[in-house]
Amino acid sequence: MVSQDWQALIDEKRAQREASIPSKWRIPGHVADKVSPTASVSAFELLEETDILSKEEREITERENLSCALDHFEGKIHF
């Protein structure tokens, strides 16, 4: 068994992971820059300030509970 440099292995795996995520699924840098463990902005404020989600998608995330959200998708989700 050949021993690999662990940092090189980690870098390779991270690059593979990054390459597997479509660019349209990525959070834009100007939004990601606002997020940190010490940030004072809430998730809801962040969604209002940006165009990450459509109006309909934001409304779904703001529903009071899962049951309300599922009612929205009734007949649209196929398992």
Protein backbone atom coordinates (compact mmCIF):
# COMPACT_ATOMS: atom_id res chain seq x y z
CA MET A 1 0.00 0.00 0.00
CA VAL A 2 1.39 3.36 -1.01
CA SER A 3 1.08 6.13 1.56
CA GLN A 4 -0.29 9.36 0.07
CA ASP A 5 0.17 12.81 1.48
CA TRP A 6 -3.09 13.34 3.41
CA GLN A 7 -3.36 17.01 2.45
CA ALA A 8 -3.09 16.16 -1.26
CA LEU A 9 -5.77 13.50 -0.81
CA ILE A 10 -8.08 15.99 0.92
CA ASP A 11 -7.48 18.57 -1.81
CA GLU A 12 -8.29 16.00 -4.48
CA LYS A 13 -11.53 14.94 -2.76
CA ARG A 14 -12.61 18.57 -2.29
CA ALA A 15 -11.95 19.28 -5.96
CA GLN A 16 -14.02 16.22 -6.94
CA ARG A 17 -16.85 17.36 -4.67
CA GLU A 18 -16.78 20.89 -6.07
CA ALA A 19 -16.77 19.61 -9.65
CA SER A 20 -19.82 17.45 -8.94
CA ILE A 21 -22.02 20.42 -7.91
CA PRO A 22 -23.66 22.23 -10.84
CA SER A 23 -22.86 25.95 -10.89
CA LYS A 24 -26.56 26.89 -10.83
CA TRP A 25 -26.85 25.14 -7.44
CA ARG A 26 -24.04 27.17 -5.87
CA ILE A 27 -24.65 30.10 -3.55
CA PRO A 28 -23.25 33.24 -5.21
CA GLY A 29 -20.15 34.70 -3.57
CA HIS A 30 -21.84 38.02 -2.73
CA VAL A 31 -24.37 36.07 -0.66
CA ALA A 32 -21.95 33.57 0.88
CA ASP A 33 -19.77 36.48 2.03
CA LYS A 34 -22.61 37.65 4.30
CA VAL A 35 -22.79 34.32 6.14
CA SER A 36 -20.53 33.59 9.08
CA PRO A 37 -20.84 32.24 12.62
CA THR A 38 -20.84 35.83 13.92
CA ALA A 39 -23.10 37.38 11.26
CA SER A 40 -26.12 39.27 12.57
CA VAL A 41 -28.25 38.72 9.46
CA SER A 42 -30.97 36.07 9.75
CA ALA A 43 -31.67 33.50 7.06
CA PHE A 44 -35.00 35.17 6.28
CA GLU A 45 -33.36 38.59 5.93
CA LEU A 46 -30.74 37.10 3.65
CA LEU A 47 -33.42 35.53 1.45
CA GLU A 48 -35.25 38.87 1.24
CA GLU A 49 -32.09 40.72 0.25
CA THR A 50 -31.10 38.27 -2.48
CA ASP A 51 -32.62 36.48 -5.43
CA ILE A 52 -31.52 32.97 -4.41
CA LEU A 53 -35.12 31.77 -4.18
CA SER A 54 -38.13 32.73 -6.25
CA LYS A 55 -41.08 34.44 -4.55
CA GLU A 56 -42.95 31.12 -4.47
CA GLU A 57 -39.95 29.29 -2.97
CA ARG A 58 -39.60 31.98 -0.27
CA GLU A 59 -43.29 31.68 0.58
CA ILE A 60 -42.87 27.92 1.01
CA THR A 61 -39.92 28.36 3.39
CA GLU A 62 -41.90 30.84 5.46
CA ARG A 63 -44.86 28.52 6.04
CA GLU A 64 -45.67 27.79 9.66
CA ASN A 65 -45.20 24.05 9.48
CA LEU A 66 -44.43 21.11 7.25
CA SER A 67 -48.10 20.24 6.83
CA CYS A 68 -48.80 23.64 5.23
CA ALA A 69 -45.84 23.23 2.90
CA LEU A 70 -46.94 19.73 1.92
CA ASP A 71 -50.45 21.00 1.17
CA HIS A 72 -48.85 23.31 -1.39
CA PHE A 73 -47.32 20.35 -3.19
CA GLU A 74 -50.35 18.07 -3.03
CA GLY A 75 -50.57 16.17 -6.29
CA LYS A 76 -47.25 17.61 -7.52
CA ILE A 77 -44.89 15.21 -5.74
CA HIS A 78 -44.51 11.68 -7.04
CA PHE A 79 -42.68 9.03 -5.05
